[in-house]
Amino acid sequence: MAAVAAPAAGTAAAAAPSHRRGRRPRGRWIGLAFVAPAALYLVVFQFVPVLYGLALSFTEYSPLSRGEPRPVGWANYAALLDDPEFAQALLVTGEYVLMVLPVTVALALVLALLANRPFRGVGAFRSALYVPHIVSLTVVSMVWLWMYSPDGLFNEWLTGLGLPEQRWLLQEDTALAAASAMRVWKALGSNMVLLLAGLQGIPRELYEAASMDGAGAWHRFRYVTLPGLRPMLTYVVAMDIIYLSQGFAEIYVLTQGGPLGSTTTVNYLIYTEAFQYNSFGSASAMAFVLFALIVSFSGLAVRGVSGRKS
């Protein structure tokens, strides 16, 4: 009986895995069914337009013309090398990033350190700082447009202090700084929340060990907080570079690229090239040059912040 039972048990054990293996393809198809809508969206509305735009950058095409796009090879890219307007837009975009990025990251870090302390009302403090991130960038820009107007809040403060009114958005030396101040205020909340999450992920034992070794507040910050915060800090810097380099909505609402091109970013120039001058080939070439620059500078920033040598 034992000899008969042993093969039967072996047969059942062999049958069980086969039965389970029969269910796996069905589970795989269910998983693909859940993923398919998002994948289809990415392919139709992301990858295909990007590939079409890349092909368009090698052509001369206006949607107002009746003909098909005319291939011109690398002519659109070569023309950008001698385009002073594009060079100026690159400089403005770089200045914009440099005006906003360091101030935003530094202030967000200070606010995250404050929000990480246990005090009464800390929840309301965190929420109040995060609210600007929730509001649409266009809506925020319209509010700040009023604040910068001759009868706006900032000029009321200046006249209250006995100082002359300023034409914030109509002067070349203040327009870009005014747009940058608005973007700093808008980005503080999201950066603060991310850095706060990084701070709360640092083990408390490290601070206790540093205190037992006699480390003061500055040394704990330098040798415990900053190294522990480095991965999240790297992410924040990289994402800020990507978003700021594509600045458009705030420029469109506040200044429309003026005065005299002093706030014309590359993204705003792409918009005017495509939808005002109807030169889609040249606009597509600008977009891919901007993409290459964003990838390059983001990579350099990530290496610098993360401390990687290669």
C-alpha atoms as a PDB file:
ATOM      1  CA  MET A   1       0.000   0.000   0.000  1.00  0.00           C
ATOM      2  CA  ALA A   2       2.823   2.384   0.852  1.00  0.00           C
ATOM      3  CA  ALA A   3       4.414   1.686  -2.552  1.00  0.00           C
ATOM      4  CA  VAL A   4       1.132   2.488  -4.276  1.00  0.00           C
ATOM      5  CA  ALA A   5       0.516   5.624  -2.202  1.00  0.00           C
ATOM      6  CA  ALA A   6       3.959   7.095  -2.900  1.00  0.00           C
ATOM      7  CA  PRO A   7       3.532   7.349  -6.697  1.00  0.00           C
ATOM      8  CA  ALA A   8       0.031   8.739  -6.172  1.00  0.00           C
ATOM      9  CA  ALA A   9       1.388  11.460  -3.918  1.00  0.00           C
ATOM     10  CA  GLY A  10       4.119  12.193  -6.439  1.00  0.00           C
ATOM     11  CA  THR A  11       1.552  12.419  -9.220  1.00  0.00           C
ATOM     12  CA  ALA A  12      -0.553  14.902  -7.199  1.00  0.00           C
ATOM     13  CA  ALA A  13       2.495  17.005  -6.382  1.00  0.00           C
ATOM     14  CA  ALA A  14       3.462  17.104 -10.038  1.00  0.00           C
ATOM     15  CA  ALA A  15      -0.068  17.974 -11.075  1.00  0.00           C
ATOM     16  CA  ALA A  16      -0.358  20.925  -8.674  1.00  0.00           C
ATOM     17  CA  PRO A  17       2.410  23.037 -10.217  1.00  0.00           C
ATOM     18  CA  SER A  18       1.059  22.255 -13.687  1.00  0.00           C
ATOM     19  CA  HIS A  19      -2.379  23.460 -12.584  1.00  0.00           C
ATOM     20  CA  ARG A  20      -0.916  26.661 -11.147  1.00  0.00           C
ATOM     21  CA  ARG A  21       1.144  27.235 -14.266  1.00  0.00           C
ATOM     22  CA  GLY A  22      -2.064  27.052 -16.274  1.00  0.00           C
ATOM     23  CA  ARG A  23      -3.396  30.082 -14.381  1.00  0.00           C
ATOM     24  CA  ARG A  24      -0.377  32.311 -14.917  1.00  0.00           C
ATOM     25  CA  PRO A  25      -1.102  33.357 -18.514  1.00  0.00           C
ATOM     26  CA  ARG A  26      -4.585  34.473 -17.477  1.00  0.00           C
ATOM     27  CA  GLY A  27      -3.151  36.607 -14.663  1.00  0.00           C
ATOM     28  CA  ARG A  28      -0.608  38.057 -17.064  1.00  0.00           C
ATOM     29  CA  TRP A  29      -3.355  39.094 -19.495  1.00  0.00           C
ATOM     30  CA  ILE A  30      -5.312  40.722 -16.666  1.00  0.00           C
ATOM     31  CA  GLY A  31      -2.256  42.734 -15.700  1.00  0.00           C
ATOM     32  CA  LEU A  32      -1.724  43.815 -19.311  1.00  0.00           C
ATOM     33  CA  ALA A  33      -5.382  44.860 -19.528  1.00  0.00           C
ATOM     34  CA  PHE A  34      -4.903  47.209 -16.572  1.00  0.00           C
ATOM     35  CA  VAL A  35      -1.679  48.645 -18.017  1.00  0.00           C
ATOM     36  CA  ALA A  36      -2.982  48.986 -21.582  1.00  0.00           C
ATOM     37  CA  PRO A  37      -4.970  52.275 -21.186  1.00  0.00           C
ATOM     38  CA  ALA A  38      -2.008  54.134 -19.671  1.00  0.00           C
ATOM     39  CA  ALA A  39       0.394  52.607 -22.206  1.00  0.00           C
ATOM     40  CA  LEU A  40      -1.925  53.541 -25.062  1.00  0.00           C
ATOM     41  CA  TYR A  41      -2.149  57.102 -23.764  1.00  0.00           C
ATOM     42  CA  LEU A  42       1.651  57.377 -23.590  1.00  0.00           C
ATOM     43  CA  VAL A  43       2.101  56.007 -27.094  1.00  0.00           C
ATOM     44  CA  VAL A  44      -0.650  58.075 -28.766  1.00  0.00           C
ATOM     45  CA  PHE A  45      -0.248  61.375 -26.905  1.00  0.00           C
ATOM     46  CA  GLN A  46       3.444  61.323 -25.923  1.00  0.00           C
ATOM     47  CA  PHE A  47       5.701  59.121 -28.037  1.00  0.00           C
ATOM     48  CA  VAL A  48       4.004  59.608 -31.405  1.00  0.00           C
ATOM     49  CA  PRO A  49       3.893  63.452 -31.152  1.00  0.00           C
ATOM     50  CA  VAL A  50       7.545  63.495 -30.049  1.00  0.00           C
ATOM     51  CA  LEU A  51       8.597  61.380 -33.016  1.00  0.00           C
ATOM     52  CA  TYR A  52       6.469  63.501 -35.349  1.00  0.00           C
ATOM     53  CA  GLY A  53       8.023  66.669 -33.934  1.00  0.00           C
ATOM     54  CA  LEU A  54      11.501  65.224 -34.421  1.00  0.00           C
ATOM     55  CA  ALA A  55      10.705  64.452 -38.056  1.00  0.00           C
ATOM     56  CA  LEU A  56       9.173  67.919 -38.461  1.00  0.00           C
ATOM     57  CA  SER A  57      12.376  69.571 -37.221  1.00  0.00           C
ATOM     58  CA  PHE A  58      14.081  68.434 -40.422  1.00  0.00           C
ATOM     59  CA  THR A  59      11.458  70.056 -42.617  1.00  0.00           C
ATOM     60  CA  GLU A  60      10.092  73.441 -43.571  1.00  0.00           C
ATOM     61  CA  TYR A  61       6.391  73.486 -42.834  1.00  0.00           C
ATOM     62  CA  SER A  62       3.606  75.976 -42.196  1.00  0.00           C
ATOM     63  CA  PRO A  63       0.071  74.779 -41.376  1.00  0.00           C
ATOM     64  CA  LEU A  64      -1.246  77.680 -43.476  1.00  0.00           C
ATOM     65  CA  SER A  65       0.349  76.273 -46.614  1.00  0.00           C
ATOM     66  CA  ARG A  66      -1.439  73.668 -48.665  1.00  0.00           C
ATOM     67  CA  GLY A  67       1.630  71.592 -49.340  1.00  0.00           C
ATOM     68  CA  GLU A  68       3.290  68.835 -47.356  1.00  0.00           C
ATOM     69  CA  PRO A  69       6.350  69.448 -45.148  1.00  0.00           C
ATOM     70  CA  ARG A  70       9.408  70.062 -47.342  1.00  0.00           C
ATOM     71  CA  PRO A  71      12.572  68.234 -46.190  1.00  0.00           C
ATOM     72  CA  VAL A  72      15.491  70.598 -45.503  1.00  0.00           C
ATOM     73  CA  GLY A  73      17.876  68.292 -43.634  1.00  0.00           C
ATOM     74  CA  TRP A  74      19.832  69.982 -40.846  1.00  0.00           C
ATOM     75  CA  ALA A  75      19.078  73.497 -42.112  1.00  0.00           C
ATOM     76  CA  ASN A  76      16.796  74.387 -39.180  1.00  0.00           C
ATOM     77  CA  TYR A  77      19.434  73.371 -36.647  1.00  0.00           C
ATOM     78  CA  ALA A  78      22.207  75.169 -38.551  1.00  0.00           C
ATOM     79  CA  ALA A  79      20.097  78.333 -38.676  1.00  0.00           C
ATOM     80  CA  LEU A  80      19.818  78.332 -34.872  1.00  0.00           C
ATOM     81  CA  LEU A  81      23.595  78.694 -34.588  1.00  0.00           C
ATOM     82  CA  ASP A  82      23.385  82.118 -36.248  1.00  0.00           C
ATOM     83  CA  ASP A  83      20.072  83.201 -34.718  1.00  0.00           C
ATOM     84  CA  PRO A  84      20.663  86.032 -32.204  1.00  0.00           C
ATOM     85  CA  GLU A  85      17.090  85.816 -30.966  1.00  0.00           C
ATOM     86  CA  PHE A  86      17.528  82.149 -30.046  1.00  0.00           C
ATOM     87  CA  ALA A  87      20.868  82.891 -28.371  1.00  0.00           C
ATOM     88  CA  GLN A  88      19.225  85.650 -26.347  1.00  0.00           C
ATOM     89  CA  ALA A  89      16.412  83.299 -25.334  1.00  0.00           C
ATOM     90  CA  LEU A  90      18.970  80.744 -24.143  1.00  0.00           C
ATOM     91  CA  LEU A  91      20.655  83.388 -21.993  1.00  0.00           C
ATOM     92  CA  VAL A  92      17.326  84.527 -20.551  1.00  0.00           C
ATOM     93  CA  THR A  93      16.367  80.927 -19.763  1.00  0.00           C
ATOM     94  CA  GLY A  94      19.701  80.346 -18.033  1.00  0.00           C
ATOM     95  CA  GLU A  95      19.340  83.540 -16.005  1.00  0.00           C
ATOM     96  CA  TYR A  96      15.821  82.554 -15.049  1.00  0.00           C
ATOM     97  CA  VAL A  97      16.943  79.151 -13.781  1.00  0.00           C
ATOM     98  CA  LEU A  98      19.860  80.661 -11.849  1.00  0.00           C
ATOM     99  CA  MET A  99      17.623  83.312 -10.277  1.00  0.00           C
ATOM    100  CA  VAL A 100      15.009  80.837  -9.074  1.00  0.00           C
ATOM    101  CA  LEU A 101      16.813  77.551  -8.363  1.00  0.00           C
ATOM    102  CA  PRO A 102      19.326  78.472  -5.615  1.00  0.00           C
ATOM    103  CA  VAL A 103      16.876  80.716  -3.751  1.00  0.00           C
ATOM    104  CA  THR A 104      14.069  78.166  -3.926  1.00  0.00           C
ATOM    105  CA  VAL A 105      16.183  75.220  -2.763  1.00  0.00           C
ATOM    106  CA  ALA A 106      17.825  77.204   0.064  1.00  0.00           C
ATOM    107  CA  LEU A 107      14.548  78.634   1.385  1.00  0.00           C
ATOM    108  CA  ALA A 108      12.783  75.287   1.017  1.00  0.00           C
ATOM    109  CA  LEU A 109      15.532  73.619   3.054  1.00  0.00           C
ATOM    110  CA  VAL A 110      15.205  76.217   5.826  1.00  0.00           C
ATOM    111  CA  LEU A 111      11.423  75.831   5.865  1.00  0.00           C
ATOM    112  CA  ALA A 112      11.733  72.031   5.856  1.00  0.00           C
ATOM    113  CA  LEU A 113      14.037  72.190   8.883  1.00  0.00           C
ATOM    114  CA  LEU A 114      11.466  74.378  10.661  1.00  0.00           C
ATOM    115  CA  ALA A 115       8.557  72.147   9.635  1.00  0.00           C
ATOM    116  CA  ASN A 116      10.445  69.097  10.914  1.00  0.00           C
ATOM    117  CA  ARG A 117      10.401  70.458  14.482  1.00  0.00           C
ATOM    118  CA  PRO A 118       7.540  69.520  16.812  1.00  0.00           C
ATOM    119  CA  PHE A 119       5.659  72.703  17.727  1.00  0.00           C
ATOM    120  CA  ARG A 120       2.052  73.706  18.085  1.00  0.00           C
ATOM    121  CA  GLY A 121       0.410  74.330  14.727  1.00  0.00           C
ATOM    122  CA  VAL A 122       3.103  72.580  12.688  1.00  0.00           C
ATOM    123  CA  GLY A 123       0.418  70.898  10.557  1.00  0.00           C
ATOM    124  CA  ALA A 124      -1.156  74.243   9.639  1.00  0.00           C
ATOM    125  CA  PHE A 125       2.315  75.642   8.956  1.00  0.00           C
ATOM    126  CA  ARG A 126       3.087  72.830   6.507  1.00  0.00           C
ATOM    127  CA  SER A 127      -0.303  73.132   4.800  1.00  0.00           C
ATOM    128  CA  ALA A 128      -0.003  76.897   4.375  1.00  0.00           C
ATOM    129  CA  LEU A 129       3.373  76.501   2.689  1.00  0.00           C
ATOM    130  CA  TYR A 130       2.062  73.800   0.344  1.00  0.00           C
ATOM    131  CA  VAL A 131      -1.064  75.666  -0.814  1.00  0.00           C
ATOM    132  CA  PRO A 132       0.709  77.694  -3.584  1.00  0.00           C
ATOM    133  CA  HIS A 133       1.808  74.450  -5.234  1.00  0.00           C
ATOM    134  CA  ILE A 134      -1.809  73.300  -5.575  1.00  0.00           C
ATOM    135  CA  VAL A 135      -2.982  76.465  -7.322  1.00  0.00           C
ATOM    136  CA  SER A 136      -2.606  76.582 -11.111  1.00  0.00           C
ATOM    137  CA  LEU A 137       0.484  78.396 -12.362  1.00  0.00           C
ATOM    138  CA  THR A 138      -1.692  80.484 -14.675  1.00  0.00           C
ATOM    139  CA  VAL A 139      -3.941  81.566 -11.801  1.00  0.00           C
ATOM    140  CA  VAL A 140      -0.940  82.434  -9.636  1.00  0.00           C
ATOM    141  CA  SER A 141       0.566  84.432 -12.505  1.00  0.00           C
ATOM    142  CA  MET A 142      -2.661  86.417 -12.922  1.00  0.00           C
ATOM    143  CA  VAL A 143      -2.721  87.247  -9.202  1.00  0.00           C
ATOM    144  CA  TRP A 144       0.897  88.399  -9.292  1.00  0.00           C
ATOM    145  CA  LEU A 145       0.164  90.379 -12.461  1.00  0.00           C
ATOM    146  CA  TRP A 146      -2.286  92.427 -10.425  1.00  0.00           C
ATOM    147  CA  MET A 147       0.198  92.724  -7.542  1.00  0.00           C
ATOM    148  CA  TYR A 148       2.813  94.113  -9.958  1.00  0.00           C
ATOM    149  CA  SER A 149       0.397  96.565 -11.607  1.00  0.00           C
ATOM    150  CA  PRO A 150       0.727 100.342 -10.952  1.00  0.00           C
ATOM    151  CA  ASP A 151      -2.200 100.123  -8.516  1.00  0.00           C
ATOM    152  CA  GLY A 152      -1.139  96.751  -7.153  1.00  0.00           C
ATOM    153  CA  LEU A 153      -0.072  95.614  -3.718  1.00  0.00           C
ATOM    154  CA  PHE A 154       3.679  96.083  -4.164  1.00  0.00           C
ATOM    155  CA  ASN A 155       3.397  99.680  -5.290  1.00  0.00           C
ATOM    156  CA  GLU A 156       1.014 100.379  -2.404  1.00  0.00           C
ATOM    157  CA  TRP A 157       3.710  99.161  -0.029  1.00  0.00           C
ATOM    158  CA  LEU A 158       6.308 101.350  -1.731  1.00  0.00           C
ATOM    159  CA  THR A 159       4.153 104.482  -1.595  1.00  0.00           C
ATOM    160  CA  GLY A 160       3.331 103.707   2.030  1.00  0.00           C
ATOM    161  CA  LEU A 161       7.071 103.761   2.766  1.00  0.00           C
ATOM    162  CA  GLY A 162       7.495 107.010   0.847  1.00  0.00           C
ATOM    163  CA  LEU A 163       9.266 105.360  -2.088  1.00  0.00           C
ATOM    164  CA  PRO A 164       8.452 105.907  -5.776  1.00  0.00           C
ATOM    165  CA  GLU A 165       6.302 103.420  -7.664  1.00  0.00           C
ATOM    166  CA  GLN A 166       7.979 100.855  -9.897  1.00  0.00           C
ATOM    167  CA  ARG A 167       6.964  99.558 -13.313  1.00  0.00           C
ATOM    168  CA  TRP A 168       7.932  96.033 -12.330  1.00  0.00           C
ATOM    169  CA  LEU A 169       7.062  94.240 -15.557  1.00  0.00           C
ATOM    170  CA  LEU A 170       7.792  97.077 -17.986  1.00  0.00           C
ATOM    171  CA  GLN A 171      11.477  97.628 -17.189  1.00  0.00           C
ATOM    172  CA  GLU A 172      14.239  95.456 -18.589  1.00  0.00           C
ATOM    173  CA  ASP A 173      16.163  95.411 -15.315  1.00  0.00           C
ATOM    174  CA  THR A 174      13.218  94.256 -13.173  1.00  0.00           C
ATOM    175  CA  ALA A 175      10.894  92.197 -15.403  1.00  0.00           C
ATOM    176  CA  LEU A 176      12.778  88.890 -15.227  1.00  0.00           C
ATOM    177  CA  ALA A 177      13.467  89.305 -11.512  1.00  0.00           C
ATOM    178  CA  ALA A 178       9.760  89.953 -10.931  1.00  0.00           C
ATOM    179  CA  ALA A 179       8.801  86.761 -12.779  1.00  0.00           C
ATOM    180  CA  SER A 180      11.481  84.860 -10.851  1.00  0.00           C
ATOM    181  CA  ALA A 181      10.150  86.075  -7.481  1.00  0.00           C
ATOM    182  CA  MET A 182       6.716  84.752  -8.367  1.00  0.00           C
ATOM    183  CA  ARG A 183       8.132  81.374  -9.381  1.00  0.00           C
ATOM    184  CA  VAL A 184      10.134  81.130  -6.143  1.00  0.00           C
ATOM    185  CA  TRP A 185       6.933  81.628  -4.146  1.00  0.00           C
ATOM    186  CA  LYS A 186       5.123  79.060  -6.285  1.00  0.00           C
ATOM    187  CA  ALA A 187       7.798  76.352  -5.993  1.00  0.00           C
ATOM    188  CA  LEU A 188       8.614  76.681  -2.286  1.00  0.00           C
ATOM    189  CA  GLY A 189       5.799  74.451  -1.054  1.00  0.00           C
ATOM    190  CA  SER A 190       6.523  71.403  -3.205  1.00  0.00           C
ATOM    191  CA  ASN A 191      10.265  71.593  -2.571  1.00  0.00           C
ATOM    192  CA  MET A 192       9.684  71.985   1.164  1.00  0.00           C
ATOM    193  CA  VAL A 193       7.472  68.879   1.301  1.00  0.00           C
ATOM    194  CA  LEU A 194      10.010  66.788  -0.612  1.00  0.00           C
ATOM    195  CA  LEU A 195      12.907  67.912   1.564  1.00  0.00           C
ATOM    196  CA  LEU A 196      10.802  67.374   4.688  1.00  0.00           C
ATOM    197  CA  ALA A 197      10.210  63.785   3.581  1.00  0.00           C
ATOM    198  CA  GLY A 198      13.961  63.404   3.133  1.00  0.00           C
ATOM    199  CA  LEU A 199      14.637  64.807   6.595  1.00  0.00           C
ATOM    200  CA  GLN A 200      12.166  62.424   8.210  1.00  0.00           C
ATOM    201  CA  GLY A 201      13.883  59.504   6.514  1.00  0.00           C
ATOM    202  CA  ILE A 202      17.181  60.173   8.298  1.00  0.00           C
ATOM    203  CA  PRO A 203      17.525  57.802  11.292  1.00  0.00           C
ATOM    204  CA  ARG A 204      17.390  59.568  14.653  1.00  0.00           C
ATOM    205  CA  GLU A 205      20.142  57.276  15.921  1.00  0.00           C
ATOM    206  CA  LEU A 206      22.651  59.134  13.754  1.00  0.00           C
ATOM    207  CA  TYR A 207      21.856  62.431  15.476  1.00  0.00           C
ATOM    208  CA  GLU A 208      22.054  60.780  18.895  1.00  0.00           C
ATOM    209  CA  ALA A 209      25.421  59.224  18.068  1.00  0.00           C
ATOM    210  CA  ALA A 210      26.733  62.564  16.780  1.00  0.00           C
ATOM    211  CA  SER A 211      25.551  64.340  19.937  1.00  0.00           C
ATOM    212  CA  MET A 212      27.245  61.729  22.124  1.00  0.00           C
ATOM    213  CA  ASP A 213      30.486  62.392  20.197  1.00  0.00           C
ATOM    214  CA  GLY A 214      30.193  66.082  21.044  1.00  0.00           C
ATOM    215  CA  ALA A 215      29.003  67.345  17.646  1.00  0.00           C
ATOM    216  CA  GLY A 216      27.257  70.717  17.739  1.00  0.00           C
ATOM    217  CA  ALA A 217      24.250  71.826  15.707  1.00  0.00           C
ATOM    218  CA  TRP A 218      26.333  72.913  12.704  1.00  0.00           C
ATOM    219  CA  HIS A 219      28.372  69.708  12.618  1.00  0.00           C
ATOM    220  CA  ARG A 220      25.207  67.571  12.913  1.00  0.00           C
ATOM    221  CA  PHE A 221      23.722  69.486   9.991  1.00  0.00           C
ATOM    222  CA  ARG A 222      26.880  69.192   7.911  1.00  0.00           C
ATOM    223  CA  TYR A 223      27.814  65.583   8.595  1.00  0.00           C
ATOM    224  CA  VAL A 224      24.413  63.989   9.257  1.00  0.00           C
ATOM    225  CA  THR A 225      21.626  66.059   7.714  1.00  0.00           C
ATOM    226  CA  LEU A 226      23.208  66.990   4.384  1.00  0.00           C
ATOM    227  CA  PRO A 227      24.550  63.496   3.551  1.00  0.00           C
ATOM    228  CA  GLY A 228      21.234  61.916   4.530  1.00  0.00           C
ATOM    229  CA  LEU A 229      19.317  64.496   2.515  1.00  0.00           C
ATOM    230  CA  ARG A 230      21.520  64.235  -0.573  1.00  0.00           C
ATOM    231  CA  PRO A 231      19.323  61.794  -2.591  1.00  0.00           C
ATOM    232  CA  MET A 232      16.207  63.928  -2.134  1.00  0.00           C
ATOM    233  CA  LEU A 233      18.174  67.137  -2.682  1.00  0.00           C
ATOM    234  CA  THR A 234      19.477  65.709  -5.954  1.00  0.00           C
ATOM    235  CA  TYR A 235      15.938  64.913  -7.063  1.00  0.00           C
ATOM    236  CA  VAL A 236      14.664  68.398  -6.158  1.00  0.00           C
ATOM    237  CA  VAL A 237      17.466  70.169  -8.031  1.00  0.00           C
ATOM    238  CA  ALA A 238      17.042  68.002 -11.129  1.00  0.00           C
ATOM    239  CA  MET A 239      13.262  68.446 -11.266  1.00  0.00           C
ATOM    240  CA  ASP A 240      13.534  72.198 -10.694  1.00  0.00           C
ATOM    241  CA  ILE A 241      15.978  72.535 -13.582  1.00  0.00           C
ATOM    242  CA  ILE A 242      13.608  70.608 -15.848  1.00  0.00           C
ATOM    243  CA  TYR A 243      10.533  72.649 -14.896  1.00  0.00           C
ATOM    244  CA  LEU A 244      12.221  76.056 -14.843  1.00  0.00           C
ATOM    245  CA  SER A 245      13.915  75.525 -18.202  1.00  0.00           C
ATOM    246  CA  GLN A 246      10.449  75.073 -19.702  1.00  0.00           C
ATOM    247  CA  GLY A 247       9.103  78.307 -18.242  1.00  0.00           C
ATOM    248  CA  PHE A 248       6.186  79.529 -20.354  1.00  0.00           C
ATOM    249  CA  ALA A 249       2.870  80.154 -18.572  1.00  0.00           C
ATOM    250  CA  GLU A 250       4.219  82.770 -16.167  1.00  0.00           C
ATOM    251  CA  ILE A 251       6.071  84.558 -18.984  1.00  0.00           C
ATOM    252  CA  TYR A 252       2.998  84.524 -21.218  1.00  0.00           C
ATOM    253  CA  VAL A 253       0.743  85.974 -18.514  1.00  0.00           C
ATOM    254  CA  LEU A 254       3.151  88.459 -16.924  1.00  0.00           C
ATOM    255  CA  THR A 255       5.251  89.910 -19.742  1.00  0.00           C
ATOM    256  CA  GLN A 256       4.644  88.060 -23.043  1.00  0.00           C
ATOM    257  CA  GLY A 257       8.396  88.023 -23.515  1.00  0.00           C
ATOM    258  CA  GLY A 258       8.918  91.757 -23.058  1.00  0.00           C
ATOM    259  CA  PRO A 259      10.145  94.300 -22.605  1.00  0.00           C
ATOM    260  CA  LEU A 260      12.446  94.059 -25.650  1.00  0.00           C
ATOM    261  CA  GLY A 261      12.849  90.307 -25.258  1.00  0.00           C
ATOM    262  CA  SER A 262      14.278  90.562 -21.745  1.00  0.00           C
ATOM    263  CA  THR A 263      11.951  87.783 -20.512  1.00  0.00           C
ATOM    264  CA  THR A 264      11.669  85.713 -23.701  1.00  0.00           C
ATOM    265  CA  THR A 265      12.570  82.179 -22.643  1.00  0.00           C
ATOM    266  CA  VAL A 266      13.239  79.426 -25.176  1.00  0.00           C
ATOM    267  CA  ASN A 267       9.830  77.886 -24.574  1.00  0.00           C
ATOM    268  CA  TYR A 268       8.113  81.217 -25.190  1.00  0.00           C
ATOM    269  CA  LEU A 269      10.189  81.701 -28.357  1.00  0.00           C
ATOM    270  CA  ILE A 270       9.106  78.241 -29.537  1.00  0.00           C
ATOM    271  CA  TYR A 271       5.485  79.300 -29.018  1.00  0.00           C
ATOM    272  CA  THR A 272       5.884  82.507 -31.037  1.00  0.00           C
ATOM    273  CA  GLU A 273       7.828  80.735 -33.790  1.00  0.00           C
ATOM    274  CA  ALA A 274       5.132  78.076 -34.177  1.00  0.00           C
ATOM    275  CA  PHE A 275       1.866  79.926 -33.577  1.00  0.00           C
ATOM    276  CA  GLN A 276       2.683  83.487 -34.586  1.00  0.00           C
ATOM    277  CA  TYR A 277       5.113  82.948 -37.459  1.00  0.00           C
ATOM    278  CA  ASN A 278       3.719  79.494 -38.390  1.00  0.00           C
ATOM    279  CA  SER A 279       7.207  78.022 -38.765  1.00  0.00           C
ATOM    280  CA  PHE A 280       6.705  74.591 -37.269  1.00  0.00           C
ATOM    281  CA  GLY A 281       9.966  73.132 -38.552  1.00  0.00           C
ATOM    282  CA  SER A 282      12.108  75.792 -36.903  1.00  0.00           C
ATOM    283  CA  ALA A 283      10.050  75.630 -33.690  1.00  0.00           C
ATOM    284  CA  SER A 284      10.501  71.850 -33.526  1.00  0.00           C
ATOM    285  CA  ALA A 285      14.263  72.236 -33.940  1.00  0.00           C
ATOM    286  CA  MET A 286      14.314  74.733 -31.064  1.00  0.00           C
ATOM    287  CA  ALA A 287      12.342  72.306 -28.913  1.00  0.00           C
ATOM    288  CA  PHE A 288      14.811  69.467 -29.431  1.00  0.00           C
ATOM    289  CA  VAL A 289      17.815  71.701 -28.827  1.00  0.00           C
ATOM    290  CA  LEU A 290      16.180  72.770 -25.560  1.00  0.00           C
ATOM    291  CA  PHE A 291      15.530  69.109 -24.714  1.00  0.00           C
ATOM    292  CA  ALA A 292      19.194  68.229 -25.284  1.00  0.00           C
ATOM    293  CA  LEU A 293      20.343  71.149 -23.114  1.00  0.00           C
ATOM    294  CA  ILE A 294      17.944  70.225 -20.308  1.00  0.00           C
ATOM    295  CA  VAL A 295      19.184  66.624 -20.310  1.00  0.00           C
ATOM    296  CA  SER A 296      22.820  67.760 -20.289  1.00  0.00           C
ATOM    297  CA  PHE A 297      22.534  70.350 -17.534  1.00  0.00           C
ATOM    298  CA  SER A 298      20.259  68.156 -15.420  1.00  0.00           C
ATOM    299  CA  GLY A 299      22.839  65.383 -15.616  1.00  0.00           C
ATOM    300  CA  LEU A 300      25.635  67.746 -14.595  1.00  0.00           C
ATOM    301  CA  ALA A 301      23.566  69.072 -11.700  1.00  0.00           C
ATOM    302  CA  VAL A 302      22.721  65.573 -10.503  1.00  0.00           C
ATOM    303  CA  ARG A 303      26.390  64.594 -10.537  1.00  0.00           C
ATOM    304  CA  GLY A 304      27.365  67.758  -8.706  1.00  0.00           C
ATOM    305  CA  VAL A 305      24.759  67.476  -5.974  1.00  0.00           C
ATOM    306  CA  SER A 306      25.036  63.720  -5.527  1.00  0.00           C
ATOM    307  CA  GLY A 307      28.842  63.893  -5.420  1.00  0.00           C
ATOM    308  CA  ARG A 308      29.349  61.244  -8.083  1.00  0.00           C
ATOM    309  CA  LYS A 309      32.618  61.488  -9.996  1.00  0.00           C
ATOM    310  CA  SER A 310      31.540  59.432 -13.016  1.00  0.00           C
END
